[in-house]
Amino acid sequence: GPVYAAGFSPDSPFVVAAGGGKGKLKVWNLYDESPQSFARFDERLKALQA
């Protein structure tokens, strides 16, 4: 569904949260260096750098 709100944490600039149309809230730690995080965002980062 659509994202209605998104924002960074004022206490931790590497934490972002987004709230969607289905009443769900997702929180991501952008500083997480796990392989799953890199796999998820790698293609998007490459597209932005191109």
N, C-alpha and C. Protein backbone atom coordinates (compact mmCIF):
# COMPACT_ATOMS: atom_id res chain seq x y z
N GLY A 1 0.80 -1.18 0.00
CA GLY A 1 0.00 0.00 0.00
C GLY A 1 0.85 1.25 0.00
N PRO A 2 0.22 2.39 -0.07
CA PRO A 2 0.95 3.65 -0.11
C PRO A 2 1.60 3.98 1.23
N VAL A 3 2.67 4.73 1.16
CA VAL A 3 3.35 5.23 2.36
C VAL A 3 2.80 6.62 2.65
N TYR A 4 2.30 6.81 3.87
CA TYR A 4 1.72 8.10 4.24
C TYR A 4 2.67 8.98 5.02
N ALA A 5 3.64 8.38 5.69
CA ALA A 5 4.59 9.18 6.47
C ALA A 5 5.90 8.42 6.58
N ALA A 6 6.99 9.17 6.55
CA ALA A 6 8.32 8.59 6.73
C ALA A 6 9.19 9.64 7.39
N GLY A 7 10.12 9.18 8.21
CA GLY A 7 11.00 10.13 8.87
C GLY A 7 12.15 9.46 9.57
N PHE A 8 13.18 10.26 9.80
CA PHE A 8 14.36 9.79 10.51
C PHE A 8 14.22 10.08 12.00
N SER A 9 14.83 9.25 12.81
CA SER A 9 14.81 9.45 14.25
C SER A 9 15.68 10.65 14.62
N PRO A 10 15.20 11.54 15.47
CA PRO A 10 16.05 12.66 15.90
C PRO A 10 17.18 12.21 16.82
N ASP A 11 17.02 11.05 17.45
CA ASP A 11 18.05 10.54 18.37
C ASP A 11 19.09 9.69 17.67
N SER A 12 18.73 9.07 16.57
CA SER A 12 19.64 8.19 15.84
C SER A 12 19.42 8.41 14.34
N PRO A 13 20.28 9.18 13.68
CA PRO A 13 20.04 9.53 12.28
C PRO A 13 20.08 8.36 11.31
N PHE A 14 20.48 7.18 11.77
CA PHE A 14 20.51 6.02 10.89
C PHE A 14 19.26 5.15 11.02
N VAL A 15 18.27 5.62 11.79
CA VAL A 15 17.02 4.87 11.95
C VAL A 15 15.92 5.65 11.23
N VAL A 16 15.23 4.97 10.33
CA VAL A 16 14.12 5.58 9.59
C VAL A 16 12.87 4.72 9.78
N ALA A 17 11.73 5.38 9.85
CA ALA A 17 10.46 4.68 10.01
C ALA A 17 9.49 5.16 8.93
N ALA A 18 8.61 4.26 8.49
CA ALA A 18 7.60 4.60 7.49
C ALA A 18 6.28 3.97 7.89
N GLY A 19 5.21 4.73 7.77
CA GLY A 19 3.87 4.24 8.06
C GLY A 19 3.06 4.17 6.79
N GLY A 20 2.35 3.06 6.60
CA GLY A 20 1.63 2.84 5.36
C GLY A 20 0.13 2.80 5.50
N GLY A 21 -0.51 2.61 4.36
CA GLY A 21 -1.94 2.63 4.26
C GLY A 21 -2.65 1.47 4.93
N LYS A 22 -1.95 0.41 5.22
CA LYS A 22 -2.56 -0.75 5.87
C LYS A 22 -2.39 -0.71 7.38
N GLY A 23 -1.98 0.44 7.91
CA GLY A 23 -1.82 0.58 9.35
C GLY A 23 -0.57 -0.07 9.89
N LYS A 24 0.41 -0.31 9.03
CA LYS A 24 1.66 -0.94 9.46
C LYS A 24 2.77 0.09 9.55
N LEU A 25 3.64 -0.12 10.51
CA LEU A 25 4.81 0.73 10.69
C LEU A 25 6.04 -0.13 10.50
N LYS A 26 6.97 0.32 9.67
CA LYS A 26 8.23 -0.38 9.45
C LYS A 26 9.36 0.53 9.92
N VAL A 27 10.34 -0.06 10.59
CA VAL A 27 11.49 0.68 11.09
C VAL A 27 12.75 0.00 10.56
N TRP A 28 13.67 0.79 10.01
CA TRP A 28 14.92 0.25 9.49
C TRP A 28 16.10 0.92 10.16
N ASN A 29 17.11 0.13 10.45
CA ASN A 29 18.40 0.63 10.92
C ASN A 29 19.31 0.68 9.71
N LEU A 30 19.55 1.85 9.16
CA LEU A 30 20.35 1.99 7.95
C LEU A 30 21.83 1.74 8.19
N TYR A 31 22.23 1.69 9.45
CA TYR A 31 23.63 1.44 9.78
C TYR A 31 23.93 -0.05 9.89
N ASP A 32 22.90 -0.86 9.79
CA ASP A 32 23.05 -2.32 9.88
C ASP A 32 23.91 -2.81 8.72
N GLU A 33 24.97 -3.52 9.03
CA GLU A 33 25.89 -3.99 8.00
C GLU A 33 25.71 -5.48 7.71
N SER A 34 24.53 -6.01 7.98
CA SER A 34 24.29 -7.43 7.73
C SER A 34 24.17 -7.69 6.23
N PRO A 35 24.48 -8.91 5.79
CA PRO A 35 24.35 -9.24 4.36
C PRO A 35 22.93 -9.01 3.82
N GLN A 36 21.92 -9.23 4.65
CA GLN A 36 20.54 -9.03 4.20
C GLN A 36 20.28 -7.55 3.89
N SER A 37 20.84 -6.68 4.69
CA SER A 37 20.65 -5.25 4.45
C SER A 37 21.33 -4.82 3.17
N PHE A 38 22.55 -5.28 2.96
CA PHE A 38 23.26 -4.93 1.74
C PHE A 38 22.53 -5.47 0.51
N ALA A 39 22.04 -6.69 0.58
CA ALA A 39 21.34 -7.29 -0.55
C ALA A 39 20.07 -6.50 -0.87
N ARG A 40 19.38 -6.04 0.14
CA ARG A 40 18.12 -5.32 -0.06
C ARG A 40 18.33 -3.98 -0.73
N PHE A 41 19.38 -3.26 -0.34
CA PHE A 41 19.56 -1.90 -0.82
C PHE A 41 20.62 -1.74 -1.89
N ASP A 42 21.38 -2.80 -2.19
CA ASP A 42 22.49 -2.71 -3.13
C ASP A 42 22.04 -2.25 -4.51
N GLU A 43 20.99 -2.86 -5.06
CA GLU A 43 20.52 -2.48 -6.39
C GLU A 43 20.04 -1.04 -6.42
N ARG A 44 19.36 -0.61 -5.38
CA ARG A 44 18.84 0.76 -5.34
C ARG A 44 19.98 1.77 -5.25
N LEU A 45 20.99 1.46 -4.45
CA LEU A 45 22.13 2.37 -4.33
C LEU A 45 22.89 2.48 -5.64
N LYS A 46 23.07 1.36 -6.33
CA LYS A 46 23.75 1.38 -7.62
C LYS A 46 22.98 2.21 -8.63
N ALA A 47 21.65 2.12 -8.61
CA ALA A 47 20.83 2.90 -9.53
C ALA A 47 20.97 4.40 -9.25
N LEU A 48 21.06 4.77 -7.98
CA LEU A 48 21.21 6.17 -7.62
C LEU A 48 22.58 6.72 -8.01
N GLN A 49 23.59 5.86 -7.97
CA GLN A 49 24.95 6.29 -8.28
C GLN A 49 25.19 6.40 -9.78
N ALA A 50 24.36 5.75 -10.57
CA ALA A 50 24.56 5.74 -12.03
C ALA A 50 24.20 7.07 -12.65
